[in-house]
C-alpha atoms as a PDB file:
ATOM      1  CA  MET A   1     115.694-110.622  28.928  1.00  0.00           C
ATOM      2  CA  LEU A   2     115.942-107.746  26.512  1.00  0.00           C
ATOM      3  CA  LEU A   3     116.647-104.381  28.144  1.00  0.00           C
ATOM      4  CA  LEU A   4     117.085-101.216  26.134  1.00  0.00           C
ATOM      5  CA  LEU A   5     117.732 -97.684  27.284  1.00  0.00           C
ATOM      6  CA  ASN A   6     116.328 -94.792  25.299  1.00  0.00           C
ATOM      7  CA  VAL A   7     117.874 -91.335  25.071  1.00  0.00           C
ATOM      8  CA  SER A   8     116.303 -90.194  28.359  1.00  0.00           C
ATOM      9  CA  GLY A   9     117.761 -93.189  30.198  1.00  0.00           C
ATOM     10  CA  ARG A  10     114.404 -94.885  30.878  1.00  0.00           C
ATOM     11  CA  LYS A  11     113.983 -98.629  30.629  1.00  0.00           C
ATOM     12  CA  LYS A  12     112.320 -99.968  27.509  1.00  0.00           C
ATOM     13  CA  GLY A  13     111.402-103.579  27.747  1.00  0.00           C
ATOM     14  CA  PRO A  14     108.911-106.093  29.112  1.00  0.00           C
ATOM     15  CA  GLN A  15     108.358-104.207  32.416  1.00  0.00           C
ATOM     16  CA  ARG A  16     107.535-100.949  30.642  1.00  0.00           C
ATOM     17  CA  GLU A  17     105.223-102.721  28.165  1.00  0.00           C
ATOM     18  CA  GLU A  18     103.457-104.567  30.990  1.00  0.00           C
ATOM     19  CA  LYS A  19     102.764-101.303  32.839  1.00  0.00           C
ATOM     20  CA  LYS A  20     101.465 -99.716  29.630  1.00  0.00           C
ATOM     21  CA  MET A  21      99.122-102.677  29.058  1.00  0.00           C
ATOM     22  CA  LYS A  22      97.813-102.514  32.626  1.00  0.00           C
ATOM     23  CA  THR A  23      97.124 -98.787  32.221  1.00  0.00           C
ATOM     24  CA  LYS A  24      95.213 -99.398  28.979  1.00  0.00           C
ATOM     25  CA  LEU A  25      93.234-102.227  30.560  1.00  0.00           C
ATOM     26  CA  PHE A  26      92.364-100.047  33.563  1.00  0.00           C
ATOM     27  CA  ALA A  27      91.195 -97.219  31.272  1.00  0.00           C
ATOM     28  CA  LEU A  28      89.060 -99.657  29.248  1.00  0.00           C
ATOM     29  CA  LEU A  29      87.445-101.082  32.402  1.00  0.00           C
ATOM     30  CA  LEU A  30      86.792 -97.571  33.706  1.00  0.00           C
ATOM     31  CA  VAL A  31      85.020 -96.511  30.493  1.00  0.00           C
ATOM     32  CA  ALA A  32      83.058 -99.770  30.257  1.00  0.00           C
ATOM     33  CA  GLY A  33      82.085 -99.628  33.931  1.00  0.00           C
ATOM     34  CA  SER A  34      80.907 -96.034  33.788  1.00  0.00           C
ATOM     35  CA  SER A  35      78.688 -96.794  30.798  1.00  0.00           C
ATOM     36  CA  LEU A  36      76.650 -99.134  33.016  1.00  0.00           C
ATOM     37  CA  PHE A  37      75.259 -96.071  34.793  1.00  0.00           C
ATOM     38  CA  ALA A  38      74.323 -94.257  31.563  1.00  0.00           C
ATOM     39  CA  ALA A  39      71.014 -95.944  30.882  1.00  0.00           C
ATOM     40  CA  GLY A  40      69.091 -95.188  27.701  1.00  0.00           C
ATOM     41  CA  HIS A  41      65.505 -93.996  27.947  1.00  0.00           C
ATOM     42  CA  PHE A  42      62.687 -95.279  25.800  1.00  0.00           C
ATOM     43  CA  SER A  43      58.968 -94.593  26.099  1.00  0.00           C
ATOM     44  CA  ILE A  44      55.790 -95.129  24.110  1.00  0.00           C
ATOM     45  CA  GLY A  45      52.583 -93.129  24.533  1.00  0.00           C
ATOM     46  CA  VAL A  46      49.226 -94.658  23.680  1.00  0.00           C
ATOM     47  CA  GLY A  47      45.962 -92.719  23.668  1.00  0.00           C
ATOM     48  CA  ILE A  48      42.519 -94.245  23.328  1.00  0.00           C
ATOM     49  CA  GLY A  49      39.380 -92.211  22.730  1.00  0.00           C
ATOM     50  CA  VAL A  50      38.686 -88.855  21.164  1.00  0.00           C
ATOM     51  CA  ALA A  51      41.321 -86.352  20.119  1.00  0.00           C
ATOM     52  CA  PRO A  52      43.038 -84.517  22.981  1.00  0.00           C
ATOM     53  CA  ALA A  53      41.020 -81.563  24.190  1.00  0.00           C
ATOM     54  CA  TYR A  54      42.225 -78.214  25.395  1.00  0.00           C
ATOM     55  CA  GLY A  55      42.832 -78.589  29.147  1.00  0.00           C
ATOM     56  CA  TYR A  56      43.329 -81.854  30.948  1.00  0.00           C
ATOM     57  CA  TYR A  57      41.450 -84.105  33.346  1.00  0.00           C
ATOM     58  CA  ALA A  58      41.719 -82.873  36.895  1.00  0.00           C
ATOM     59  CA  PRO A  59      40.640 -84.146  40.308  1.00  0.00           C
ATOM     60  CA  PRO A  60      37.235 -83.027  41.686  1.00  0.00           C
ATOM     61  CA  PRO A  61      36.614 -79.260  41.796  1.00  0.00           C
ATOM     62  CA  PRO A  62      39.025 -77.171  43.864  1.00  0.00           C
ATOM     63  CA  PRO A  63      38.098 -75.468  47.132  1.00  0.00           C
ATOM     64  CA  PRO A  64      36.722 -71.920  46.960  1.00  0.00           C
ATOM     65  CA  PRO A  65      39.271 -69.144  46.281  1.00  0.00           C
ATOM     66  CA  VAL A  66      41.208 -67.771  49.227  1.00  0.00           C
ATOM     67  CA  VAL A  67      40.312 -64.164  50.032  1.00  0.00           C
ATOM     68  CA  THR A  68      43.451 -62.025  50.044  1.00  0.00           C
ATOM     69  CA  TYR A  69      44.451 -58.397  50.019  1.00  0.00           C
ATOM     70  CA  ALA A  70      46.208 -57.012  46.931  1.00  0.00           C
ATOM     71  CA  VAL A  71      49.145 -54.816  47.831  1.00  0.00           C
ATOM     72  CA  PRO A  72      49.635 -51.614  45.813  1.00  0.00           C
ATOM     73  CA  ALA A  73      51.170 -52.030  42.363  1.00  0.00           C
ATOM     74  CA  PRO A  74      54.984 -51.876  42.297  1.00  0.00           C
ATOM     75  CA  GLY A  75      54.861 -49.429  39.400  1.00  0.00           C
ATOM     76  CA  PRO A  76      52.962 -48.349  36.303  1.00  0.00           C
ATOM     77  CA  GLY A  77      52.120 -50.988  33.709  1.00  0.00           C
ATOM     78  CA  TYR A  78      51.628 -53.870  36.161  1.00  0.00           C
ATOM     79  CA  THR A  79      48.512 -56.065  36.202  1.00  0.00           C
ATOM     80  CA  TRP A  80      47.208 -57.995  39.201  1.00  0.00           C
ATOM     81  CA  VAL A  81      47.030 -61.753  38.637  1.00  0.00           C
ATOM     82  CA  GLY A  82      44.634 -63.070  41.275  1.00  0.00           C
ATOM     83  CA  GLY A  83      45.453 -66.176  43.275  1.00  0.00           C
ATOM     84  CA  TYR A  84      44.145 -69.507  42.031  1.00  0.00           C
ATOM     85  CA  TRP A  85      44.079 -73.233  42.753  1.00  0.00           C
ATOM     86  CA  TYR A  86      45.909 -75.552  40.330  1.00  0.00           C
ATOM     87  CA  PRO A  87      46.042 -79.368  40.284  1.00  0.00           C
ATOM     88  CA  VAL A  88      49.165 -81.145  41.508  1.00  0.00           C
ATOM     89  CA  GLY A  89      48.564 -84.850  41.045  1.00  0.00           C
ATOM     90  CA  PRO A  90      45.476 -85.898  43.042  1.00  0.00           C
ATOM     91  CA  ARG A  91      45.183 -82.612  44.982  1.00  0.00           C
ATOM     92  CA  TYR A  92      45.172 -78.842  44.512  1.00  0.00           C
ATOM     93  CA  ALA A  93      47.789 -76.266  45.471  1.00  0.00           C
ATOM     94  CA  TRP A  94      47.177 -72.549  46.001  1.00  0.00           C
ATOM     95  CA  ARG A  95      49.114 -70.011  43.926  1.00  0.00           C
ATOM     96  CA  ALA A  96      48.983 -66.638  45.697  1.00  0.00           C
ATOM     97  CA  GLY A  97      48.163 -63.534  43.664  1.00  0.00           C
ATOM     98  CA  TYR A  98      50.977 -61.391  42.298  1.00  0.00           C
ATOM     99  CA  TRP A  99      51.724 -58.337  40.187  1.00  0.00           C
ATOM    100  CA  ALA A 100      53.041 -59.007  36.671  1.00  0.00           C
ATOM    101  CA  ARG A 101      53.851 -57.007  33.586  1.00  0.00           C
ATOM    102  CA  PRO A 102      51.815 -58.101  30.559  1.00  0.00           C
ATOM    103  CA  PRO A 103      54.014 -59.781  27.930  1.00  0.00           C
ATOM    104  CA  TYR A 104      52.791 -57.458  25.152  1.00  0.00           C
ATOM    105  CA  ALA A 105      50.776 -54.241  24.720  1.00  0.00           C
ATOM    106  CA  ARG A 106      47.078 -54.283  25.702  1.00  0.00           C
ATOM    107  CA  ALA A 107      47.286 -57.854  27.041  1.00  0.00           C
ATOM    108  CA  TYR A 108      45.034 -58.956  29.893  1.00  0.00           C
ATOM    109  CA  TRP A 109      45.073 -62.031  32.140  1.00  0.00           C
ATOM    110  CA  ILE A 110      42.501 -64.803  31.663  1.00  0.00           C
ATOM    111  CA  ALA A 111      42.276 -66.628  34.988  1.00  0.00           C
ATOM    112  CA  PRO A 112      42.522 -70.439  35.137  1.00  0.00           C
ATOM    113  CA  ARG A 113      39.214 -72.252  35.381  1.00  0.00           C
ATOM    114  CA  TYR A 114      37.740 -75.660  36.118  1.00  0.00           C
ATOM    115  CA  TYR A 115      34.895 -76.810  33.883  1.00  0.00           C
ATOM    116  CA  GLY A 116      33.479 -80.282  33.214  1.00  0.00           C
ATOM    117  CA  ASN A 117      36.205 -82.197  35.100  1.00  0.00           C
ATOM    118  CA  ARG A 118      38.861 -80.359  33.102  1.00  0.00           C
ATOM    119  CA  TYR A 119      41.373 -77.776  34.280  1.00  0.00           C
ATOM    120  CA  TYR A 120      42.190 -74.900  31.908  1.00  0.00           C
ATOM    121  CA  SER A 121      45.366 -72.943  32.685  1.00  0.00           C
ATOM    122  CA  GLY A 122      45.424 -69.167  32.854  1.00  0.00           C
ATOM    123  CA  TYR A 123      46.973 -67.191  30.006  1.00  0.00           C
ATOM    124  CA  TRP A 124      47.581 -63.703  28.616  1.00  0.00           C
ATOM    125  CA  ARG A 125      45.272 -62.497  25.826  1.00  0.00           C
ATOM    126  CA  ARG A 126      45.029 -59.426  23.605  1.00  0.00           C
END
């Protein structure tokens, strides 16, 4: 058996090389094993029919709006955005009204609407 001592007095030989190999093998297995959990994602979208329209298909019409009280504005320049129903999967959820600052000068809020089995989101307009 060949046994060498380096300047620091540590053993250099088959035992040291075996430990180094085990460490490398462990690191390789760790990297390879962790890559099993990093799955790639792949998807394909297919549409049949006419070109996509503005808005999207929604469940049957929402319930009537909830009557609420608007609290006073928190300050000048705020606009009241009334509460509205919006589709969440096969049902509707209520979004309570709130005060908001328009994103740009002279903008006003166009409320969301439901028309012809399609839901159109609300937006800010000049």
